[in-house]
Amino acid sequence: MDFEKRRNLISNRIKNLIYRENIKNIFLMCMGVSMASVGLKGFLLPNKFLDGGAMGVSLLLEIVTKLELSYLIILVNLPFIILGARQISMRFALKSVVCIVSLSILVHYLQFPVLTQDKLLIAVFGGFFLGAGIGLTIRGGAVIDGTEVLGITISKRGALTVGDFITVFNVLLFSVAILLTSIETAMYSMLTYLSASKTADFILNGVEEYIGVMIISEHHVALKEVISKNLNTGITVLKAEKGFGTRGEFQNETSVLYCVVTRLDISKLLFEIAKVDPKAFIVQNRIKDTKGGMIKKRAMH
């Protein structure tokens, strides 16, 4: 009976987690689609401004062909969604289809007053709302701009990273925009893209930027104590074997310290390490996000 109760408790807990996760994802996708539609209808569309990625292609085609943007959003993103179904999952593709179709419906029927005639404000805030929509939708497990799906596929088969591909794609897009519209429109569109990409990054990665730090030192015991006490952060001791060191000596056993701190705490960590061992070997890596463990959310000075 105890085993049966325990199994039922675990099963119920998992069901509750799945339910809460689905509700959260639906909320994020709805918010994302709504904010993207505000950015398009309230700022970009009335002023013929572009963005990067598949959305930028849709906006450029709308200017050139005079077709409804709501149809173009679906048509341009359709190949990316099919690719996403093959490369990622069918669930991802279905969620993305729902988001893209919902965005198209809102763009088609939503009537939004023009808030400003200032081109700089249009570019910045249009990009902000569109980027927020893209970021929230991705947090919900879907996309309304399929360029990243193509970027992931190309990065697996070639030398370009996802970031490199998106940069090249957008450079080509804005070059075409200069030819088909005007240099001024293309430049404002680049500003829109920068605003959108930074907003999306902010939503996806959060306010904090985490740094993973690996420390190799002969004084690892003292460093462990200092870092734990003075920075109030968790630290992991990894058992390792040392290779050919600076003195040309081989050592079979050593310890490597690993901890994760915020960007604001990194200078304090380096200062504490320098006090104990100025010659310590330190490796830093950016981390997009963390979960669990002893990680401070704010710097403690």
Protein backbone atom coordinates (compact mmCIF):
# COMPACT_ATOMS: atom_id res chain seq x y z
CA MET A 1 0.00 0.00 0.00
CA ASP A 2 2.78 2.42 0.86
CA PHE A 3 4.39 1.81 -2.50
CA GLU A 4 1.04 2.28 -4.26
CA LYS A 5 0.36 5.54 -2.42
CA ARG A 6 3.81 6.81 -3.21
CA ARG A 7 3.43 5.97 -6.89
CA ASN A 8 0.04 7.70 -7.01
CA LEU A 9 1.46 10.79 -5.32
CA ILE A 10 4.31 10.96 -7.82
CA SER A 11 1.88 10.42 -10.70
CA ASN A 12 -0.43 13.18 -9.47
CA ARG A 13 2.48 15.54 -8.95
CA ILE A 14 3.70 14.93 -12.51
CA LYS A 15 0.18 15.51 -13.88
CA ASN A 16 -0.08 18.78 -11.96
CA LEU A 17 3.31 19.90 -13.27
CA ILE A 18 2.29 19.10 -16.86
CA TYR A 19 -1.03 20.91 -16.39
CA ARG A 20 0.62 24.04 -14.95
CA GLU A 21 3.28 23.99 -17.68
CA ASN A 22 0.63 23.78 -20.42
CA ILE A 23 -1.38 26.65 -18.88
CA LYS A 24 1.78 28.76 -18.62
CA ASN A 25 2.73 28.02 -22.25
CA ILE A 26 -0.76 28.90 -23.53
CA PHE A 27 -0.65 32.19 -21.60
CA LEU A 28 2.81 33.04 -22.97
CA MET A 29 1.79 32.24 -26.55
CA CYS A 30 -1.38 34.37 -26.27
CA MET A 31 0.60 37.28 -24.85
CA GLY A 32 3.25 36.86 -27.53
CA VAL A 33 0.79 36.87 -30.41
CA SER A 34 -1.06 39.88 -28.94
CA MET A 35 2.10 41.97 -28.48
CA ALA A 36 3.41 41.11 -31.95
CA SER A 37 0.09 42.19 -33.50
CA VAL A 38 0.27 45.53 -31.63
CA GLY A 39 3.79 46.11 -32.94
CA LEU A 40 2.72 45.35 -36.51
CA LYS A 41 -0.64 47.14 -36.65
CA GLY A 42 0.16 50.04 -34.34
CA PHE A 43 3.66 50.89 -35.56
CA LEU A 44 5.28 49.04 -38.45
CA LEU A 45 2.54 48.44 -41.01
CA PRO A 46 1.16 52.01 -41.22
CA ASN A 47 4.70 53.31 -41.80
CA LYS A 48 6.00 50.55 -44.12
CA PHE A 49 8.84 49.62 -41.74
CA LEU A 50 10.45 46.19 -41.85
CA ASP A 51 11.91 43.76 -39.34
CA GLY A 52 14.41 40.95 -39.78
CA GLY A 53 13.77 37.26 -40.36
CA ALA A 54 10.66 35.70 -41.84
CA MET A 55 8.53 38.58 -40.52
CA GLY A 56 10.76 41.00 -42.40
CA VAL A 57 10.32 38.98 -45.60
CA SER A 58 6.54 39.07 -45.11
CA LEU A 59 6.56 42.84 -44.55
CA LEU A 60 8.78 43.41 -47.61
CA LEU A 61 6.53 41.24 -49.79
CA GLU A 62 3.50 43.16 -48.50
CA ILE A 63 5.09 46.43 -49.63
CA VAL A 64 6.13 45.07 -53.04
CA THR A 65 3.14 42.88 -53.96
CA LYS A 66 0.35 44.74 -52.06
CA LEU A 67 -0.98 41.37 -50.88
CA GLU A 68 -2.53 41.04 -47.42
CA LEU A 69 0.15 40.65 -44.75
CA SER A 70 -2.05 38.14 -42.90
CA TYR A 71 -1.75 35.70 -45.83
CA LEU A 72 1.94 36.38 -46.37
CA ILE A 73 2.81 35.62 -42.73
CA ILE A 74 1.36 32.13 -43.16
CA LEU A 75 2.88 31.51 -46.61
CA VAL A 76 6.39 32.68 -45.68
CA ASN A 77 6.48 30.74 -42.41
CA LEU A 78 4.94 27.54 -43.81
CA PRO A 79 8.23 26.05 -45.13
CA PHE A 80 9.91 26.78 -41.78
CA ILE A 81 7.10 25.07 -39.88
CA ILE A 82 7.36 21.96 -42.06
CA LEU A 83 11.10 21.98 -41.43
CA GLY A 84 10.46 22.40 -37.69
CA ALA A 85 8.16 19.36 -37.68
CA ARG A 86 10.99 17.26 -39.13
CA GLN A 87 13.92 18.73 -37.20
CA ILE A 88 12.34 19.48 -33.80
CA SER A 89 8.92 17.89 -33.18
CA MET A 90 5.38 17.72 -34.47
CA ARG A 91 4.14 19.25 -31.19
CA PHE A 92 6.37 22.29 -31.76
CA ALA A 93 5.12 22.61 -35.34
CA LEU A 94 1.43 22.42 -34.33
CA LYS A 95 1.86 25.03 -31.60
CA SER A 96 3.67 27.29 -34.06
CA VAL A 97 0.90 26.89 -36.64
CA VAL A 98 -1.69 27.93 -34.04
CA CYS A 99 0.38 31.01 -33.10
CA ILE A 100 1.07 32.05 -36.70
CA VAL A 101 -2.57 31.63 -37.77
CA SER A 102 -3.73 33.55 -34.67
CA LEU A 103 -1.30 36.37 -35.48
CA SER A 104 -2.55 36.47 -39.07
CA ILE A 105 -6.16 36.72 -37.90
CA LEU A 106 -5.34 39.56 -35.50
CA VAL A 107 -3.35 41.42 -38.17
CA HIS A 108 -6.24 41.07 -40.59
CA TYR A 109 -9.06 42.16 -38.25
CA LEU A 110 -7.42 44.26 -35.54
CA GLN A 111 -7.93 48.00 -35.91
CA PHE A 112 -5.32 50.00 -34.06
CA PRO A 113 -4.88 53.80 -34.00
CA VAL A 114 -1.57 55.24 -35.16
CA LEU A 115 0.13 56.28 -31.92
CA THR A 116 2.92 58.48 -33.28
CA GLN A 117 4.34 59.95 -36.46
CA ASP A 118 7.88 60.07 -35.12
CA LYS A 119 9.92 57.59 -37.18
CA LEU A 120 12.44 56.93 -34.41
CA LEU A 121 9.69 56.07 -31.91
CA ILE A 122 7.98 53.90 -34.51
CA ALA A 123 11.17 51.92 -35.15
CA VAL A 124 12.06 51.51 -31.46
CA PHE A 125 8.62 50.70 -30.06
CA GLY A 126 7.49 48.73 -33.09
CA GLY A 127 10.59 46.58 -32.64
CA PHE A 128 10.00 46.39 -28.90
CA PHE A 129 6.44 45.02 -29.20
CA LEU A 130 7.35 42.67 -32.04
CA GLY A 131 10.46 41.41 -30.20
CA ALA A 132 8.45 40.91 -27.01
CA GLY A 133 5.92 38.90 -29.00
CA ILE A 134 8.61 36.73 -30.56
CA GLY A 135 10.34 36.17 -27.21
CA LEU A 136 7.15 35.31 -25.29
CA THR A 137 6.05 32.90 -28.02
CA ILE A 138 9.41 31.10 -27.91
CA ARG A 139 9.13 30.89 -24.11
CA GLY A 140 5.78 29.20 -24.71
CA GLY A 141 7.41 26.58 -26.95
CA ALA A 142 6.50 27.89 -30.40
CA VAL A 143 7.58 30.49 -32.98
CA ILE A 144 5.94 33.23 -35.01
CA ASP A 145 9.14 33.78 -36.99
CA GLY A 146 10.59 30.59 -38.44
CA THR A 147 14.05 31.84 -39.43
CA GLU A 148 15.70 30.29 -36.38
CA VAL A 149 14.38 26.86 -37.36
CA LEU A 150 16.21 27.14 -40.68
CA GLY A 151 19.27 28.45 -38.84
CA ILE A 152 19.32 25.40 -36.55
CA THR A 153 19.09 23.07 -39.55
CA ILE A 154 21.90 24.80 -41.46
CA SER A 155 24.15 24.92 -38.38
CA LYS A 156 23.85 21.13 -38.04
CA ARG A 157 24.98 20.58 -41.63
CA GLY A 158 27.48 23.40 -42.19
CA ALA A 159 30.07 25.66 -40.60
CA LEU A 160 27.68 28.55 -39.80
CA THR A 161 26.21 28.92 -36.33
CA VAL A 162 22.56 29.88 -35.83
CA GLY A 163 23.61 33.45 -35.00
CA ASP A 164 25.86 33.65 -38.08
CA PHE A 165 23.08 32.43 -40.36
CA ILE A 166 20.51 34.90 -38.97
CA THR A 167 23.01 37.75 -39.38
CA VAL A 168 23.77 36.82 -43.01
CA PHE A 169 20.05 36.35 -43.72
CA ASN A 170 19.18 39.79 -42.37
CA VAL A 171 22.07 41.52 -44.15
CA LEU A 172 20.75 40.12 -47.44
CA LEU A 173 17.19 41.07 -46.50
CA PHE A 174 18.05 44.69 -45.71
CA SER A 175 20.18 44.92 -48.86
CA VAL A 176 17.15 43.92 -50.92
CA ALA A 177 15.05 46.39 -48.90
CA ILE A 178 17.37 49.23 -49.96
CA LEU A 179 16.79 48.33 -53.61
CA LEU A 180 13.01 47.91 -53.33
CA THR A 181 12.16 50.71 -50.88
CA SER A 182 14.66 53.40 -49.89
CA ILE A 183 17.85 53.74 -47.89
CA GLU A 184 16.00 55.65 -45.16
CA THR A 185 13.34 52.96 -44.79
CA ALA A 186 16.01 50.25 -44.72
CA MET A 187 18.00 52.10 -42.03
CA TYR A 188 14.92 52.58 -39.83
CA SER A 189 14.10 48.91 -40.42
CA MET A 190 17.57 47.94 -39.17
CA LEU A 191 16.85 49.94 -36.02
CA THR A 192 13.54 48.10 -35.70
CA TYR A 193 15.36 44.77 -36.02
CA LEU A 194 17.92 45.73 -33.35
CA SER A 195 15.15 46.79 -30.97
CA ALA A 196 13.20 43.58 -31.63
CA SER A 197 16.22 41.27 -31.24
CA LYS A 198 17.38 42.91 -28.00
CA THR A 199 13.87 42.75 -26.55
CA ALA A 200 13.52 39.09 -27.51
CA ASP A 201 16.94 38.34 -25.95
CA PHE A 202 15.91 40.15 -22.77
CA ILE A 203 12.72 38.10 -22.47
CA LEU A 204 14.44 34.80 -23.28
CA ASN A 205 17.52 35.28 -21.11
CA GLY A 206 16.15 37.53 -18.38
CA VAL A 207 17.67 40.47 -16.57
CA GLU A 208 20.49 38.45 -15.10
CA GLU A 209 23.31 37.03 -17.12
CA TYR A 210 24.97 34.04 -15.51
CA ILE A 211 28.63 33.16 -15.76
CA GLY A 212 29.95 29.64 -15.18
CA VAL A 213 33.41 29.80 -13.61
CA MET A 214 35.90 26.92 -13.44
CA ILE A 215 38.86 27.40 -11.09
CA ILE A 216 42.01 25.27 -11.06
CA SER A 217 44.30 26.01 -8.14
CA GLU A 218 46.59 24.30 -5.67
CA HIS A 219 44.73 26.20 -2.94
CA HIS A 220 41.31 24.82 -3.85
CA VAL A 221 40.38 24.02 -0.24
CA ALA A 222 40.91 27.61 0.89
CA LEU A 223 39.19 28.95 -2.25
CA LYS A 224 36.16 26.77 -1.66
CA GLU A 225 35.74 28.16 1.85
CA VAL A 226 36.29 31.79 0.80
CA ILE A 227 33.87 31.64 -2.14
CA SER A 228 31.17 29.87 -0.12
CA LYS A 229 31.35 32.33 2.78
CA ASN A 230 32.11 35.66 1.11
CA LEU A 231 29.87 35.28 -1.93
CA ASN A 232 27.21 33.09 -0.31
CA THR A 233 27.00 30.93 -3.41
CA GLY A 234 27.10 27.19 -4.06
CA ILE A 235 30.26 25.60 -5.36
CA THR A 236 30.99 22.14 -6.77
CA VAL A 237 34.28 20.29 -6.30
CA LEU A 238 35.19 18.15 -9.30
CA LYS A 239 37.81 15.43 -8.98
CA ALA A 240 40.26 15.55 -11.87
CA GLU A 241 43.63 14.45 -13.15
CA LYS A 242 46.22 17.06 -13.97
CA GLY A 243 48.12 16.93 -17.25
CA PHE A 244 51.34 18.63 -18.26
CA GLY A 245 51.44 21.76 -16.08
CA THR A 246 53.50 24.95 -16.19
CA ARG A 247 56.34 23.27 -14.30
CA GLY A 248 56.34 20.26 -16.58
CA GLU A 249 55.05 17.97 -13.86
CA PHE A 250 52.34 15.33 -14.01
CA GLN A 251 49.99 15.04 -11.04
CA ASN A 252 47.49 12.25 -10.83
CA GLU A 253 44.89 13.88 -8.63
CA THR A 254 43.62 17.41 -8.19
CA SER A 255 40.35 19.25 -7.58
CA VAL A 256 38.59 21.70 -9.85
CA LEU A 257 36.09 24.19 -8.42
CA TYR A 258 33.00 25.12 -10.40
CA CYS A 259 30.42 27.76 -9.53
CA VAL A 260 27.80 29.90 -11.26
CA VAL A 261 27.48 33.60 -10.43
CA THR A 262 25.67 36.57 -11.93
CA ARG A 263 27.41 39.03 -14.23
CA LEU A 264 27.35 41.57 -11.39
CA ASP A 265 29.19 39.21 -9.04
CA ILE A 266 31.98 38.13 -11.37
CA SER A 267 34.39 40.95 -10.42
CA LYS A 268 33.94 40.20 -6.72
CA LEU A 269 34.59 36.49 -7.36
CA LEU A 270 37.80 37.24 -9.26
CA PHE A 271 38.90 39.56 -6.45
CA GLU A 272 38.33 36.84 -3.82
CA ILE A 273 40.27 34.32 -5.93
CA ALA A 274 43.16 36.75 -6.41
CA LYS A 275 43.43 37.24 -2.64
CA VAL A 276 43.98 33.51 -2.10
CA ASP A 277 45.80 32.50 -5.29
CA PRO A 278 46.77 35.14 -7.90
CA LYS A 279 48.11 32.38 -10.18
CA ALA A 280 44.85 30.37 -10.26
CA PHE A 281 43.72 29.26 -13.72
CA ILE A 282 40.18 30.56 -14.32
CA VAL A 283 37.82 29.73 -17.19
CA GLN A 284 34.58 31.71 -17.67
CA ASN A 285 31.59 30.71 -19.80
CA ARG A 286 28.30 32.50 -20.41
CA ILE A 287 25.21 30.64 -19.28
CA LYS A 288 21.78 31.54 -20.64
CA ASP A 289 19.75 30.33 -17.69
CA THR A 290 19.89 28.20 -14.56
CA LYS A 291 17.46 26.26 -12.41
CA GLY A 292 17.81 24.94 -8.88
CA GLY A 293 20.96 24.97 -6.78
CA MET A 294 22.41 27.83 -4.73
CA ILE A 295 22.53 30.72 -7.17
CA LYS A 296 21.95 34.26 -6.08
CA LYS A 297 19.53 36.35 -8.07
CA ARG A 298 21.08 39.65 -7.09
CA ALA A 299 24.61 40.77 -6.34
CA MET A 300 25.48 41.09 -2.66
CA HIS A 301 27.95 43.89 -2.01
